[in-house]
Amino acid sequence: MNSDLDANCIILGDRFQVLEVIDNLVNNSIKYSPIGSEISVSLFRKPGVNSNKIIFKVSDNGVGVKPEDQQRIFSEYGQTENKPTGGENSSGLGLSIVKEIVNWHNGRVWVESNPSEKPGSTFIVEFPAI
């Protein structure tokens, strides 16, 4: 795993819920990536004058998320045809929980992925900063 973490990022929110978001996104990247592939994690203040947003990103080289599935995966049971690479099960609830927690914290979450052009996905969470 590769990481780039800015220690000056402070989020106003429930520590356990924010950790659940991080845990879910990192675990999904591991679950849907080939064994031994690299996963990158970054945390930084959004660039710009007086920026009050913290960005958390998880990028992988997995199967990716088709453009037509990118909104659906954040709804309850919003599964795709993608199967975990290690044979694990998926309930389709994890990303809907992520979205709920992020919404409660007045943030937003989305995925950037186009598997027809490049393998992998980047999940991005934007939280308000203190």
C-alpha atoms as a PDB file:
ATOM      1  CA  MET A   1       0.000   0.000   0.000  1.00  0.00           C
ATOM      2  CA  ASN A   2       1.212   3.460  -0.864  1.00  0.00           C
ATOM      3  CA  SER A   3       0.102   6.453   1.215  1.00  0.00           C
ATOM      4  CA  ASP A   4       0.393  10.220   1.159  1.00  0.00           C
ATOM      5  CA  LEU A   5      -1.121  11.663   4.318  1.00  0.00           C
ATOM      6  CA  ASP A   6      -1.134  15.314   5.339  1.00  0.00           C
ATOM      7  CA  ALA A   7      -1.034  15.559   9.138  1.00  0.00           C
ATOM      8  CA  ASN A   8      -2.685  19.001   9.067  1.00  0.00           C
ATOM      9  CA  CYS A   9      -6.075  17.648   8.006  1.00  0.00           C
ATOM     10  CA  ILE A  10      -8.660  17.894  10.753  1.00  0.00           C
ATOM     11  CA  ILE A  11     -12.241  16.882  10.071  1.00  0.00           C
ATOM     12  CA  LEU A  12     -15.164  17.900  12.235  1.00  0.00           C
ATOM     13  CA  GLY A  13     -17.040  14.675  12.765  1.00  0.00           C
ATOM     14  CA  ASP A  14     -17.519  11.420  14.571  1.00  0.00           C
ATOM     15  CA  ARG A  15     -14.162   9.630  14.672  1.00  0.00           C
ATOM     16  CA  PHE A  16     -15.657   6.137  14.554  1.00  0.00           C
ATOM     17  CA  GLN A  17     -17.928   6.904  11.611  1.00  0.00           C
ATOM     18  CA  VAL A  18     -15.092   8.540   9.653  1.00  0.00           C
ATOM     19  CA  LEU A  19     -12.913   5.502  10.380  1.00  0.00           C
ATOM     20  CA  GLU A  20     -15.729   3.279   9.094  1.00  0.00           C
ATOM     21  CA  VAL A  21     -15.699   5.222   5.804  1.00  0.00           C
ATOM     22  CA  ILE A  22     -11.920   4.833   5.485  1.00  0.00           C
ATOM     23  CA  ASP A  23     -12.030   1.147   6.432  1.00  0.00           C
ATOM     24  CA  ASN A  24     -14.797   0.377   3.949  1.00  0.00           C
ATOM     25  CA  LEU A  25     -13.116   2.144   1.019  1.00  0.00           C
ATOM     26  CA  VAL A  26      -9.694   0.605   1.663  1.00  0.00           C
ATOM     27  CA  ASN A  27     -11.179  -2.866   2.154  1.00  0.00           C
ATOM     28  CA  ASN A  28     -13.207  -2.564  -1.067  1.00  0.00           C
ATOM     29  CA  SER A  29     -10.074  -1.604  -2.977  1.00  0.00           C
ATOM     30  CA  ILE A  30      -8.318  -4.666  -1.596  1.00  0.00           C
ATOM     31  CA  LYS A  31     -11.359  -6.877  -2.234  1.00  0.00           C
ATOM     32  CA  TYR A  32     -11.735  -5.880  -5.905  1.00  0.00           C
ATOM     33  CA  SER A  33      -8.042  -5.675  -6.884  1.00  0.00           C
ATOM     34  CA  PRO A  34      -5.734  -8.435  -8.061  1.00  0.00           C
ATOM     35  CA  ILE A  35      -3.698 -10.004  -5.282  1.00  0.00           C
ATOM     36  CA  GLY A  36      -0.412  -8.148  -4.879  1.00  0.00           C
ATOM     37  CA  SER A  37      -1.513  -5.020  -6.754  1.00  0.00           C
ATOM     38  CA  GLU A  38      -0.861  -1.575  -5.316  1.00  0.00           C
ATOM     39  CA  ILE A  39      -3.442   0.553  -3.547  1.00  0.00           C
ATOM     40  CA  SER A  40      -2.812   4.241  -2.902  1.00  0.00           C
ATOM     41  CA  VAL A  41      -4.318   6.257  -0.074  1.00  0.00           C
ATOM     42  CA  SER A  42      -4.059  10.032   0.221  1.00  0.00           C
ATOM     43  CA  LEU A  43      -5.384  12.681   2.559  1.00  0.00           C
ATOM     44  CA  PHE A  44      -4.930  16.392   1.935  1.00  0.00           C
ATOM     45  CA  ARG A  45      -6.520  19.803   2.176  1.00  0.00           C
ATOM     46  CA  LYS A  46      -8.171  20.755  -1.108  1.00  0.00           C
ATOM     47  CA  PRO A  47      -5.930  23.247  -2.919  1.00  0.00           C
ATOM     48  CA  GLY A  48      -7.092  26.815  -3.151  1.00  0.00           C
ATOM     49  CA  VAL A  49      -7.211  30.008  -1.215  1.00  0.00           C
ATOM     50  CA  ASN A  50      -9.065  29.565   2.083  1.00  0.00           C
ATOM     51  CA  SER A  51      -9.998  25.986   1.228  1.00  0.00           C
ATOM     52  CA  ASN A  52     -12.119  24.399   3.920  1.00  0.00           C
ATOM     53  CA  LYS A  53     -12.356  20.899   2.430  1.00  0.00           C
ATOM     54  CA  ILE A  54     -10.391  17.759   3.269  1.00  0.00           C
ATOM     55  CA  ILE A  55     -10.007  15.175   0.501  1.00  0.00           C
ATOM     56  CA  PHE A  56      -9.530  11.462   1.172  1.00  0.00           C
ATOM     57  CA  LYS A  57      -8.751   9.253  -1.853  1.00  0.00           C
ATOM     58  CA  VAL A  58      -8.322   5.521  -2.323  1.00  0.00           C
ATOM     59  CA  SER A  59      -7.035   4.392  -5.738  1.00  0.00           C
ATOM     60  CA  ASP A  60      -6.565   0.858  -6.995  1.00  0.00           C
ATOM     61  CA  ASN A  61      -5.836  -1.149 -10.137  1.00  0.00           C
ATOM     62  CA  GLY A  62      -8.873  -3.380  -9.792  1.00  0.00           C
ATOM     63  CA  VAL A  63     -11.708  -4.144 -12.163  1.00  0.00           C
ATOM     64  CA  GLY A  64     -13.108  -0.609 -12.046  1.00  0.00           C
ATOM     65  CA  VAL A  65     -16.683   0.651 -12.051  1.00  0.00           C
ATOM     66  CA  LYS A  66     -18.503   1.160 -15.320  1.00  0.00           C
ATOM     67  CA  PRO A  67     -19.873   4.692 -15.817  1.00  0.00           C
ATOM     68  CA  GLU A  68     -23.457   3.387 -15.803  1.00  0.00           C
ATOM     69  CA  ASP A  69     -22.889   1.772 -12.364  1.00  0.00           C
ATOM     70  CA  GLN A  70     -21.194   4.718 -10.647  1.00  0.00           C
ATOM     71  CA  GLN A  71     -24.312   6.188  -9.031  1.00  0.00           C
ATOM     72  CA  ARG A  72     -26.005   2.863  -8.299  1.00  0.00           C
ATOM     73  CA  ILE A  73     -23.136   1.483  -6.204  1.00  0.00           C
ATOM     74  CA  PHE A  74     -23.881   4.067  -3.502  1.00  0.00           C
ATOM     75  CA  SER A  75     -27.481   2.889  -3.047  1.00  0.00           C
ATOM     76  CA  GLU A  76     -28.571   0.022  -0.796  1.00  0.00           C
ATOM     77  CA  TYR A  77     -27.805  -3.318  -2.426  1.00  0.00           C
ATOM     78  CA  GLY A  78     -26.398  -1.439  -5.423  1.00  0.00           C
ATOM     79  CA  GLN A  79     -24.147  -4.205  -6.649  1.00  0.00           C
ATOM     80  CA  THR A  80     -22.457  -4.504 -10.020  1.00  0.00           C
ATOM     81  CA  GLU A  81     -21.533  -7.617 -11.957  1.00  0.00           C
ATOM     82  CA  ASN A  82     -17.976  -7.312 -10.591  1.00  0.00           C
ATOM     83  CA  LYS A  83     -16.904 -10.129  -8.298  1.00  0.00           C
ATOM     84  CA  PRO A  84     -14.339  -9.824  -5.518  1.00  0.00           C
ATOM     85  CA  THR A  85     -10.964 -11.159  -6.647  1.00  0.00           C
ATOM     86  CA  GLY A  86     -10.442 -13.360  -3.583  1.00  0.00           C
ATOM     87  CA  GLY A  87     -13.851 -15.033  -3.685  1.00  0.00           C
ATOM     88  CA  GLU A  88     -15.271 -12.924  -0.835  1.00  0.00           C
ATOM     89  CA  ASN A  89     -18.956 -12.130  -0.599  1.00  0.00           C
ATOM     90  CA  SER A  90     -20.448  -8.683  -1.078  1.00  0.00           C
ATOM     91  CA  SER A  91     -23.752  -7.550   0.416  1.00  0.00           C
ATOM     92  CA  GLY A  92     -23.980  -4.314  -1.574  1.00  0.00           C
ATOM     93  CA  LEU A  93     -24.425  -2.297   1.630  1.00  0.00           C
ATOM     94  CA  GLY A  94     -20.917  -0.954   2.280  1.00  0.00           C
ATOM     95  CA  LEU A  95     -20.910   1.975  -0.122  1.00  0.00           C
ATOM     96  CA  SER A  96     -24.455   2.983   0.815  1.00  0.00           C
ATOM     97  CA  ILE A  97     -23.290   3.164   4.444  1.00  0.00           C
ATOM     98  CA  VAL A  98     -20.286   5.217   3.326  1.00  0.00           C
ATOM     99  CA  LYS A  99     -22.583   7.628   1.503  1.00  0.00           C
ATOM    100  CA  GLU A 100     -24.893   7.983   4.526  1.00  0.00           C
ATOM    101  CA  ILE A 101     -21.998   8.707   6.889  1.00  0.00           C
ATOM    102  CA  VAL A 102     -20.441  11.200   4.481  1.00  0.00           C
ATOM    103  CA  ASN A 103     -23.816  12.929   4.033  1.00  0.00           C
ATOM    104  CA  TRP A 104     -24.262  13.152   7.833  1.00  0.00           C
ATOM    105  CA  HIS A 105     -20.915  14.963   7.934  1.00  0.00           C
ATOM    106  CA  ASN A 106     -21.967  17.425   5.197  1.00  0.00           C
ATOM    107  CA  GLY A 107     -19.504  15.903   2.766  1.00  0.00           C
ATOM    108  CA  ARG A 108     -19.745  14.123  -0.535  1.00  0.00           C
ATOM    109  CA  VAL A 109     -18.403  10.896  -2.033  1.00  0.00           C
ATOM    110  CA  TRP A 110     -17.938   9.754  -5.613  1.00  0.00           C
ATOM    111  CA  VAL A 111     -15.939   7.385  -7.776  1.00  0.00           C
ATOM    112  CA  GLU A 112     -13.781   8.096 -10.792  1.00  0.00           C
ATOM    113  CA  SER A 113     -13.338   5.077 -13.006  1.00  0.00           C
ATOM    114  CA  ASN A 114     -13.489   4.176 -16.669  1.00  0.00           C
ATOM    115  CA  PRO A 115     -12.473   0.531 -17.018  1.00  0.00           C
ATOM    116  CA  SER A 116     -12.715   0.650 -20.814  1.00  0.00           C
ATOM    117  CA  GLU A 117      -9.818   3.154 -20.845  1.00  0.00           C
ATOM    118  CA  LYS A 118      -7.775   2.217 -17.766  1.00  0.00           C
ATOM    119  CA  PRO A 119      -8.166  -0.407 -15.040  1.00  0.00           C
ATOM    120  CA  GLY A 120      -8.954   0.632 -11.494  1.00  0.00           C
ATOM    121  CA  SER A 121     -11.013   3.100  -9.542  1.00  0.00           C
ATOM    122  CA  THR A 122     -10.473   6.118  -7.347  1.00  0.00           C
ATOM    123  CA  PHE A 123     -12.971   6.689  -4.565  1.00  0.00           C
ATOM    124  CA  ILE A 124     -12.964  10.269  -3.316  1.00  0.00           C
ATOM    125  CA  VAL A 125     -14.483  11.655  -0.138  1.00  0.00           C
ATOM    126  CA  GLU A 126     -14.687  15.364   0.576  1.00  0.00           C
ATOM    127  CA  PHE A 127     -15.236  16.402   4.216  1.00  0.00           C
ATOM    128  CA  PRO A 128     -15.542  19.884   5.692  1.00  0.00           C
ATOM    129  CA  ALA A 129     -12.320  20.910   7.442  1.00  0.00           C
ATOM    130  CA  ILE A 130     -11.947  22.639  10.768  1.00  0.00           C
END
